[in-house]
Amino acid sequence: MRELRLDTAGPVGDCAVLQVTGEVDAYTAPMLRERIRELAAKGAVHLIADLGQVDFLDSTGLGVLVGGLKRLREAGGSLALVISTPRILRVFQVTGLTKALAVRQSATDAITADPHWKQAVESQAGSVHEWCRQHGLS
């Protein structure tokens, strides 16, 4: 069991990447909810939640992400997910959430797929790959 860790890359404009590491369960999900709220309150309403280092995700964690999506959309924003492990991806597929949330293999893919994100990142770093490199994202 790994303790939940939440790191943020950015924000760049109204965009930020939230890197989630460890387990997202009934105990730790409130911390994820609070971080999403904090970022939105500071104006970062276009989020990418990088779940590439998540070992476990239960229904409470799913609920937090769906609630975060709703809150961000109400603020004119978006939520995309980076999921690179088949086990975690399967949770989203079984629940049908891959239809509601954009799921990508990497932060680079998620940024490149979203014109708003791409413009914000390119205006700061020149290219998506350079910005991701500067922030330790793949």
N, C-alpha and C. Protein backbone atom coordinates (compact mmCIF):
# COMPACT_ATOMS: atom_id res chain seq x y z
N MET A 1 0.83 -1.18 0.00
CA MET A 1 0.00 0.00 0.00
C MET A 1 0.88 1.25 0.00
N ARG A 2 0.65 2.12 -0.97
CA ARG A 2 1.38 3.38 -1.03
C ARG A 2 0.48 4.51 -0.60
N GLU A 3 1.02 5.40 0.20
CA GLU A 3 0.30 6.59 0.62
C GLU A 3 -0.04 7.43 -0.59
N LEU A 4 -1.20 8.11 -0.55
CA LEU A 4 -1.59 8.96 -1.65
C LEU A 4 -0.68 10.18 -1.72
N ARG A 5 -0.24 10.46 -2.93
CA ARG A 5 0.57 11.65 -3.17
C ARG A 5 -0.04 12.41 -4.33
N LEU A 6 -0.17 13.73 -4.17
CA LEU A 6 -0.75 14.58 -5.20
C LEU A 6 0.23 15.69 -5.53
N ASP A 7 0.71 15.70 -6.77
CA ASP A 7 1.64 16.72 -7.23
C ASP A 7 0.99 17.45 -8.40
N THR A 8 1.33 18.72 -8.55
CA THR A 8 0.73 19.52 -9.62
C THR A 8 1.82 20.06 -10.55
N ALA A 9 1.59 19.90 -11.85
CA ALA A 9 2.43 20.52 -12.87
C ALA A 9 1.64 21.68 -13.43
N GLY A 10 2.19 22.86 -13.36
CA GLY A 10 1.48 24.06 -13.76
C GLY A 10 1.00 24.76 -12.50
N PRO A 11 0.03 25.60 -12.59
CA PRO A 11 -0.79 25.81 -13.78
C PRO A 11 -0.10 26.64 -14.86
N VAL A 12 -0.58 26.44 -16.05
CA VAL A 12 -0.23 27.28 -17.18
C VAL A 12 -1.56 27.83 -17.67
N GLY A 13 -1.76 29.11 -17.46
CA GLY A 13 -3.07 29.70 -17.73
C GLY A 13 -4.10 29.07 -16.81
N ASP A 14 -5.16 28.54 -17.40
CA ASP A 14 -6.20 27.89 -16.59
C ASP A 14 -6.11 26.37 -16.67
N CYS A 15 -4.90 25.86 -16.97
CA CYS A 15 -4.66 24.43 -17.12
C CYS A 15 -3.64 23.93 -16.09
N ALA A 16 -3.85 22.70 -15.59
CA ALA A 16 -2.88 22.09 -14.68
C ALA A 16 -2.99 20.57 -14.79
N VAL A 17 -1.85 19.92 -14.54
CA VAL A 17 -1.81 18.46 -14.49
C VAL A 17 -1.70 18.06 -13.02
N LEU A 18 -2.60 17.19 -12.59
CA LEU A 18 -2.59 16.67 -11.24
C LEU A 18 -2.07 15.25 -11.30
N GLN A 19 -0.86 15.03 -10.77
CA GLN A 19 -0.25 13.71 -10.78
C GLN A 19 -0.64 12.99 -9.49
N VAL A 20 -1.31 11.86 -9.64
CA VAL A 20 -1.83 11.09 -8.51
C VAL A 20 -1.01 9.81 -8.39
N THR A 21 -0.50 9.55 -7.19
CA THR A 21 0.32 8.37 -6.93
C THR A 21 -0.23 7.65 -5.71
N GLY A 22 -0.30 6.32 -5.77
CA GLY A 22 -0.71 5.53 -4.62
C GLY A 22 -2.10 4.95 -4.78
N GLU A 23 -2.84 4.93 -3.67
CA GLU A 23 -4.17 4.34 -3.65
C GLU A 23 -5.23 5.42 -3.44
N VAL A 24 -6.29 5.35 -4.24
CA VAL A 24 -7.41 6.28 -4.10
C VAL A 24 -8.60 5.45 -3.61
N ASP A 25 -8.91 5.61 -2.34
CA ASP A 25 -9.97 4.82 -1.72
C ASP A 25 -10.80 5.71 -0.80
N ALA A 26 -11.66 5.12 -0.01
CA ALA A 26 -12.55 5.89 0.87
C ALA A 26 -11.77 6.78 1.83
N TYR A 27 -10.58 6.37 2.21
CA TYR A 27 -9.76 7.14 3.13
C TYR A 27 -9.06 8.32 2.44
N THR A 28 -8.54 8.08 1.25
CA THR A 28 -7.72 9.10 0.57
C THR A 28 -8.48 9.95 -0.44
N ALA A 29 -9.62 9.48 -0.93
CA ALA A 29 -10.38 10.21 -1.96
C ALA A 29 -10.73 11.64 -1.54
N PRO A 30 -11.06 11.91 -0.26
CA PRO A 30 -11.34 13.30 0.11
C PRO A 30 -10.16 14.25 -0.15
N MET A 31 -8.94 13.76 -0.06
CA MET A 31 -7.77 14.60 -0.35
C MET A 31 -7.73 14.95 -1.83
N LEU A 32 -8.08 13.99 -2.69
CA LEU A 32 -8.14 14.24 -4.13
C LEU A 32 -9.24 15.25 -4.43
N ARG A 33 -10.41 15.08 -3.82
CA ARG A 33 -11.53 16.00 -4.01
C ARG A 33 -11.11 17.43 -3.64
N GLU A 34 -10.45 17.56 -2.50
CA GLU A 34 -10.04 18.87 -2.03
C GLU A 34 -9.01 19.50 -2.96
N ARG A 35 -8.08 18.72 -3.48
CA ARG A 35 -7.08 19.27 -4.39
C ARG A 35 -7.74 19.77 -5.68
N ILE A 36 -8.70 19.01 -6.21
CA ILE A 36 -9.41 19.46 -7.41
C ILE A 36 -10.14 20.76 -7.12
N ARG A 37 -10.78 20.86 -5.96
CA ARG A 37 -11.48 22.09 -5.58
C ARG A 37 -10.51 23.26 -5.46
N GLU A 38 -9.35 23.02 -4.84
CA GLU A 38 -8.36 24.08 -4.67
C GLU A 38 -7.87 24.60 -6.02
N LEU A 39 -7.57 23.69 -6.92
CA LEU A 39 -7.09 24.09 -8.24
C LEU A 39 -8.16 24.90 -8.99
N ALA A 40 -9.40 24.43 -8.93
CA ALA A 40 -10.49 25.15 -9.60
C ALA A 40 -10.68 26.53 -8.98
N ALA A 41 -10.59 26.62 -7.66
CA ALA A 41 -10.76 27.91 -6.97
C ALA A 41 -9.67 28.90 -7.37
N LYS A 42 -8.48 28.40 -7.73
CA LYS A 42 -7.38 29.25 -8.17
C LYS A 42 -7.43 29.52 -9.67
N GLY A 43 -8.46 29.01 -10.34
CA GLY A 43 -8.63 29.29 -11.75
C GLY A 43 -8.17 28.20 -12.70
N ALA A 44 -7.59 27.12 -12.18
CA ALA A 44 -7.17 26.00 -13.04
C ALA A 44 -8.38 25.08 -13.22
N VAL A 45 -9.15 25.32 -14.28
CA VAL A 45 -10.38 24.57 -14.50
C VAL A 45 -10.27 23.53 -15.62
N HIS A 46 -9.13 23.52 -16.30
CA HIS A 46 -8.86 22.48 -17.29
C HIS A 46 -7.78 21.59 -16.69
N LEU A 47 -8.22 20.43 -16.18
CA LEU A 47 -7.29 19.54 -15.48
C LEU A 47 -7.07 18.26 -16.25
N ILE A 48 -5.86 17.76 -16.09
CA ILE A 48 -5.52 16.41 -16.51
C ILE A 48 -5.13 15.69 -15.24
N ALA A 49 -5.85 14.63 -14.91
CA ALA A 49 -5.50 13.81 -13.75
C ALA A 49 -4.68 12.63 -14.26
N ASP A 50 -3.40 12.64 -13.92
CA ASP A 50 -2.50 11.58 -14.36
C ASP A 50 -2.55 10.46 -13.32
N LEU A 51 -3.24 9.37 -13.68
CA LEU A 51 -3.41 8.23 -12.79
C LEU A 51 -2.42 7.11 -13.10
N GLY A 52 -1.37 7.43 -13.82
CA GLY A 52 -0.39 6.42 -14.24
C GLY A 52 0.31 5.71 -13.10
N GLN A 53 0.37 6.34 -11.93
CA GLN A 53 1.03 5.74 -10.77
C GLN A 53 0.03 5.35 -9.68
N VAL A 54 -1.24 5.20 -10.06
CA VAL A 54 -2.26 4.77 -9.11
C VAL A 54 -2.27 3.25 -9.04
N ASP A 55 -2.15 2.71 -7.82
CA ASP A 55 -2.13 1.26 -7.61
C ASP A 55 -3.53 0.68 -7.43
N PHE A 56 -4.43 1.50 -6.87
CA PHE A 56 -5.76 1.02 -6.53
C PHE A 56 -6.73 2.19 -6.61
N LEU A 57 -7.93 1.94 -7.13
CA LEU A 57 -8.95 2.97 -7.24
C LEU A 57 -10.29 2.31 -6.97
N ASP A 58 -11.00 2.78 -5.93
CA ASP A 58 -12.30 2.20 -5.63
C ASP A 58 -13.43 3.12 -6.06
N SER A 59 -14.66 2.75 -5.72
CA SER A 59 -15.82 3.52 -6.14
C SER A 59 -15.83 4.93 -5.57
N THR A 60 -15.24 5.13 -4.40
CA THR A 60 -15.16 6.47 -3.83
C THR A 60 -14.29 7.36 -4.71
N GLY A 61 -13.17 6.82 -5.15
CA GLY A 61 -12.28 7.55 -6.05
C GLY A 61 -12.97 7.88 -7.37
N LEU A 62 -13.72 6.92 -7.90
CA LEU A 62 -14.47 7.18 -9.14
C LEU A 62 -15.47 8.31 -8.92
N GLY A 63 -16.14 8.28 -7.79
CA GLY A 63 -17.11 9.33 -7.47
C GLY A 63 -16.47 10.71 -7.40
N VAL A 64 -15.28 10.77 -6.81
CA VAL A 64 -14.57 12.04 -6.72
C VAL A 64 -14.22 12.56 -8.12
N LEU A 65 -13.78 11.69 -9.00
CA LEU A 65 -13.43 12.12 -10.35
C LEU A 65 -14.66 12.56 -11.14
N VAL A 66 -15.77 11.85 -11.00
CA VAL A 66 -17.01 12.25 -11.68
C VAL A 66 -17.50 13.59 -11.12
N GLY A 67 -17.44 13.74 -9.79
CA GLY A 67 -17.82 15.01 -9.18
C GLY A 67 -16.91 16.14 -9.63
N GLY A 68 -15.62 15.86 -9.75
CA GLY A 68 -14.67 16.85 -10.24
C GLY A 68 -14.97 17.26 -11.66
N LEU A 69 -15.31 16.29 -12.49
CA LEU A 69 -15.68 16.58 -13.88
C LEU A 69 -16.88 17.52 -13.92
N LYS A 70 -17.89 17.23 -13.10
CA LYS A 70 -19.10 18.07 -13.06
C LYS A 70 -18.75 19.49 -12.62
N ARG A 71 -17.98 19.61 -11.56
CA ARG A 71 -17.59 20.93 -11.03
C ARG A 71 -16.79 21.72 -12.07
N LEU A 72 -15.84 21.06 -12.72
CA LEU A 72 -15.01 21.74 -13.71
C LEU A 72 -15.82 22.16 -14.93
N ARG A 73 -16.72 21.31 -15.39
CA ARG A 73 -17.56 21.66 -16.54
C ARG A 73 -18.45 22.85 -16.21
N GLU A 74 -18.98 22.89 -14.98
CA GLU A 74 -19.81 24.02 -14.57
C GLU A 74 -19.03 25.33 -14.59
N ALA A 75 -17.71 25.23 -14.40
CA ALA A 75 -16.84 26.42 -14.42
C ALA A 75 -16.28 26.68 -15.82
N GLY A 76 -16.77 25.95 -16.83
CA GLY A 76 -16.30 26.12 -18.19
C GLY A 76 -15.03 25.36 -18.49
N GLY A 77 -14.70 24.39 -17.64
CA GLY A 77 -13.45 23.65 -17.79
C GLY A 77 -13.66 22.23 -18.28
N SER A 78 -12.64 21.41 -18.02
CA SER A 78 -12.64 20.03 -18.49
C SER A 78 -11.78 19.17 -17.58
N LEU A 79 -11.97 17.86 -17.69
CA LEU A 79 -11.14 16.89 -16.97
C LEU A 79 -10.81 15.76 -17.92
N ALA A 80 -9.53 15.51 -18.10
CA ALA A 80 -9.07 14.37 -18.88
C ALA A 80 -8.24 13.49 -17.95
N LEU A 81 -8.17 12.21 -18.27
CA LEU A 81 -7.42 11.27 -17.45
C LEU A 81 -6.27 10.66 -18.25
N VAL A 82 -5.16 10.44 -17.56
CA VAL A 82 -4.07 9.66 -18.11
C VAL A 82 -4.09 8.34 -17.36
N ILE A 83 -4.31 7.26 -18.10
CA ILE A 83 -4.35 5.93 -17.51
C ILE A 83 -3.45 5.04 -18.35
N SER A 84 -2.41 4.53 -17.74
CA SER A 84 -1.46 3.70 -18.47
C SER A 84 -1.44 2.25 -17.99
N THR A 85 -2.17 1.95 -16.93
CA THR A 85 -2.19 0.57 -16.42
C THR A 85 -3.51 -0.10 -16.78
N PRO A 86 -3.45 -1.29 -17.35
CA PRO A 86 -4.67 -1.99 -17.78
C PRO A 86 -5.68 -2.20 -16.64
N ARG A 87 -5.21 -2.46 -15.45
CA ARG A 87 -6.09 -2.73 -14.31
C ARG A 87 -6.96 -1.51 -13.99
N ILE A 88 -6.35 -0.32 -13.96
CA ILE A 88 -7.10 0.90 -13.67
C ILE A 88 -8.00 1.26 -14.85
N LEU A 89 -7.51 1.09 -16.07
CA LEU A 89 -8.33 1.37 -17.25
C LEU A 89 -9.58 0.50 -17.24
N ARG A 90 -9.43 -0.75 -16.84
CA ARG A 90 -10.56 -1.68 -16.81
C ARG A 90 -11.68 -1.18 -15.89
N VAL A 91 -11.32 -0.56 -14.76
CA VAL A 91 -12.32 -0.01 -13.84
C VAL A 91 -13.18 1.03 -14.56
N PHE A 92 -12.54 1.88 -15.34
CA PHE A 92 -13.28 2.93 -16.07
C PHE A 92 -14.09 2.34 -17.21
N GLN A 93 -13.58 1.30 -17.85
CA GLN A 93 -14.32 0.66 -18.94
C GLN A 93 -15.56 -0.05 -18.42
N VAL A 94 -15.42 -0.82 -17.34
CA VAL A 94 -16.53 -1.57 -16.76
C VAL A 94 -17.65 -0.65 -16.30
N THR A 95 -17.29 0.50 -15.75
CA THR A 95 -18.29 1.44 -15.25
C THR A 95 -18.86 2.34 -16.35
N GLY A 96 -18.30 2.27 -17.55
CA GLY A 96 -18.77 3.10 -18.66
C GLY A 96 -18.25 4.53 -18.62
N LEU A 97 -17.34 4.82 -17.70
CA LEU A 97 -16.85 6.19 -17.55
C LEU A 97 -15.89 6.62 -18.67
N THR A 98 -15.43 5.68 -19.47
CA THR A 98 -14.59 6.06 -20.61
C THR A 98 -15.41 6.81 -21.65
N LYS A 99 -16.75 6.75 -21.54
CA LYS A 99 -17.61 7.51 -22.45
C LYS A 99 -17.75 8.96 -21.99
N ALA A 100 -17.61 9.20 -20.68
CA ALA A 100 -17.79 10.55 -20.12
C ALA A 100 -16.47 11.29 -19.96
N LEU A 101 -15.39 10.57 -19.79
CA LEU A 101 -14.09 11.18 -19.54
C LEU A 101 -13.12 10.84 -20.67
N ALA A 102 -12.37 11.84 -21.11
CA ALA A 102 -11.32 11.60 -22.10
C ALA A 102 -10.19 10.84 -21.42
N VAL A 103 -9.82 9.71 -21.97
CA VAL A 103 -8.75 8.89 -21.40
C VAL A 103 -7.62 8.79 -22.42
N ARG A 104 -6.41 9.11 -21.97
CA ARG A 104 -5.22 9.08 -22.83
C ARG A 104 -4.13 8.24 -22.17
N GLN A 105 -3.13 7.87 -22.97
CA GLN A 105 -2.01 7.05 -22.49
C GLN A 105 -0.95 7.85 -21.75
N SER A 106 -0.85 9.16 -22.06
CA SER A 106 0.19 9.99 -21.44
C SER A 106 -0.29 11.43 -21.35
N ALA A 107 0.38 12.21 -20.54
CA ALA A 107 0.05 13.63 -20.43
C ALA A 107 0.28 14.33 -21.77
N THR A 108 1.33 13.95 -22.46
CA THR A 108 1.60 14.52 -23.78
C THR A 108 0.43 14.28 -24.72
N ASP A 109 -0.09 13.06 -24.73
CA ASP A 109 -1.25 12.73 -25.58
C ASP A 109 -2.47 13.56 -25.18
N ALA A 110 -2.71 13.69 -23.88
CA ALA A 110 -3.87 14.43 -23.39
C ALA A 110 -3.79 15.91 -23.77
N ILE A 111 -2.61 16.49 -23.64
CA ILE A 111 -2.43 17.90 -23.97
C ILE A 111 -2.58 18.11 -25.48
N THR A 112 -1.95 17.25 -26.27
CA THR A 112 -1.99 17.37 -27.72
C THR A 112 -3.42 17.23 -28.25
N ALA A 113 -4.23 16.39 -27.59
CA ALA A 113 -5.60 16.14 -28.05
C ALA A 113 -6.56 17.28 -27.74
N ASP A 114 -6.17 18.21 -26.87
CA ASP A 114 -7.07 19.29 -26.46
C ASP A 114 -6.52 20.62 -26.97
N PRO A 115 -7.20 21.26 -27.93
CA PRO A 115 -6.69 22.51 -28.51
C PRO A 115 -6.44 23.61 -27.47
N HIS A 116 -7.29 23.71 -26.46
CA HIS A 116 -7.12 24.73 -25.42
C HIS A 116 -5.82 24.49 -24.66
N TRP A 117 -5.62 23.25 -24.23
CA TRP A 117 -4.40 22.88 -23.53
C TRP A 117 -3.17 23.12 -24.40
N LYS A 118 -3.25 22.66 -25.63
CA LYS A 118 -2.10 22.75 -26.54
C LYS A 118 -1.67 24.20 -26.72
N GLN A 119 -2.63 25.09 -26.92
CA GLN A 119 -2.31 26.51 -27.10
C GLN A 119 -1.67 27.09 -25.84
N ALA A 120 -2.21 26.77 -24.67
CA ALA A 120 -1.67 27.30 -23.41
C ALA A 120 -0.22 26.84 -23.20
N VAL A 121 0.03 25.57 -23.44
CA VAL A 121 1.37 25.01 -23.22
C VAL A 121 2.36 25.54 -24.25
N GLU A 122 1.95 25.59 -25.51
CA GLU A 122 2.86 26.07 -26.56
C GLU A 122 3.21 27.54 -26.37
N SER A 123 2.28 28.33 -25.83
CA SER A 123 2.58 29.75 -25.60
C SER A 123 3.61 29.92 -24.49
N GLN A 124 3.71 28.96 -23.60
CA GLN A 124 4.68 29.06 -22.51
C GLN A 124 6.02 28.40 -22.83
N ALA A 125 5.97 27.23 -23.45
CA ALA A 125 7.21 26.46 -23.62
C ALA A 125 7.60 26.24 -25.08
N GLY A 126 6.79 26.68 -26.02
CA GLY A 126 7.13 26.49 -27.42
C GLY A 126 6.58 25.21 -28.01
N SER A 127 6.56 24.14 -27.22
CA SER A 127 6.00 22.88 -27.71
C SER A 127 5.46 22.06 -26.53
N VAL A 128 4.55 21.16 -26.87
CA VAL A 128 3.97 20.28 -25.84
C VAL A 128 5.06 19.41 -25.25
N HIS A 129 5.90 18.84 -26.10
CA HIS A 129 6.95 17.94 -25.62
C HIS A 129 7.92 18.67 -24.68
N GLU A 130 8.26 19.89 -25.01
CA GLU A 130 9.18 20.66 -24.16
C GLU A 130 8.54 20.96 -22.81
N TRP A 131 7.28 21.37 -22.79
CA TRP A 131 6.60 21.66 -21.53
C TRP A 131 6.52 20.41 -20.66
N CYS A 132 6.16 19.30 -21.27
CA CYS A 132 6.08 18.04 -20.53
C CYS A 132 7.45 17.63 -20.00
N ARG A 133 8.48 17.83 -20.80
CA ARG A 133 9.84 17.51 -20.36
C ARG A 133 10.21 18.37 -19.15
N GLN A 134 9.91 19.66 -19.23
CA GLN A 134 10.23 20.59 -18.14
C GLN A 134 9.53 20.22 -16.83
N HIS A 135 8.36 19.58 -16.95
CA HIS A 135 7.57 19.24 -15.76
C HIS A 135 7.63 17.76 -15.40
N GLY A 136 8.52 17.02 -16.05
CA GLY A 136 8.70 15.60 -15.71
C GLY A 136 7.52 14.73 -16.08
N LEU A 137 6.81 15.10 -17.14
CA LEU A 137 5.65 14.33 -17.58
C LEU A 137 6.00 13.57 -18.86
N SER A 138 5.30 12.45 -19.06
CA SER A 138 5.54 11.70 -20.30
C SER A 138 4.38 11.82 -21.23
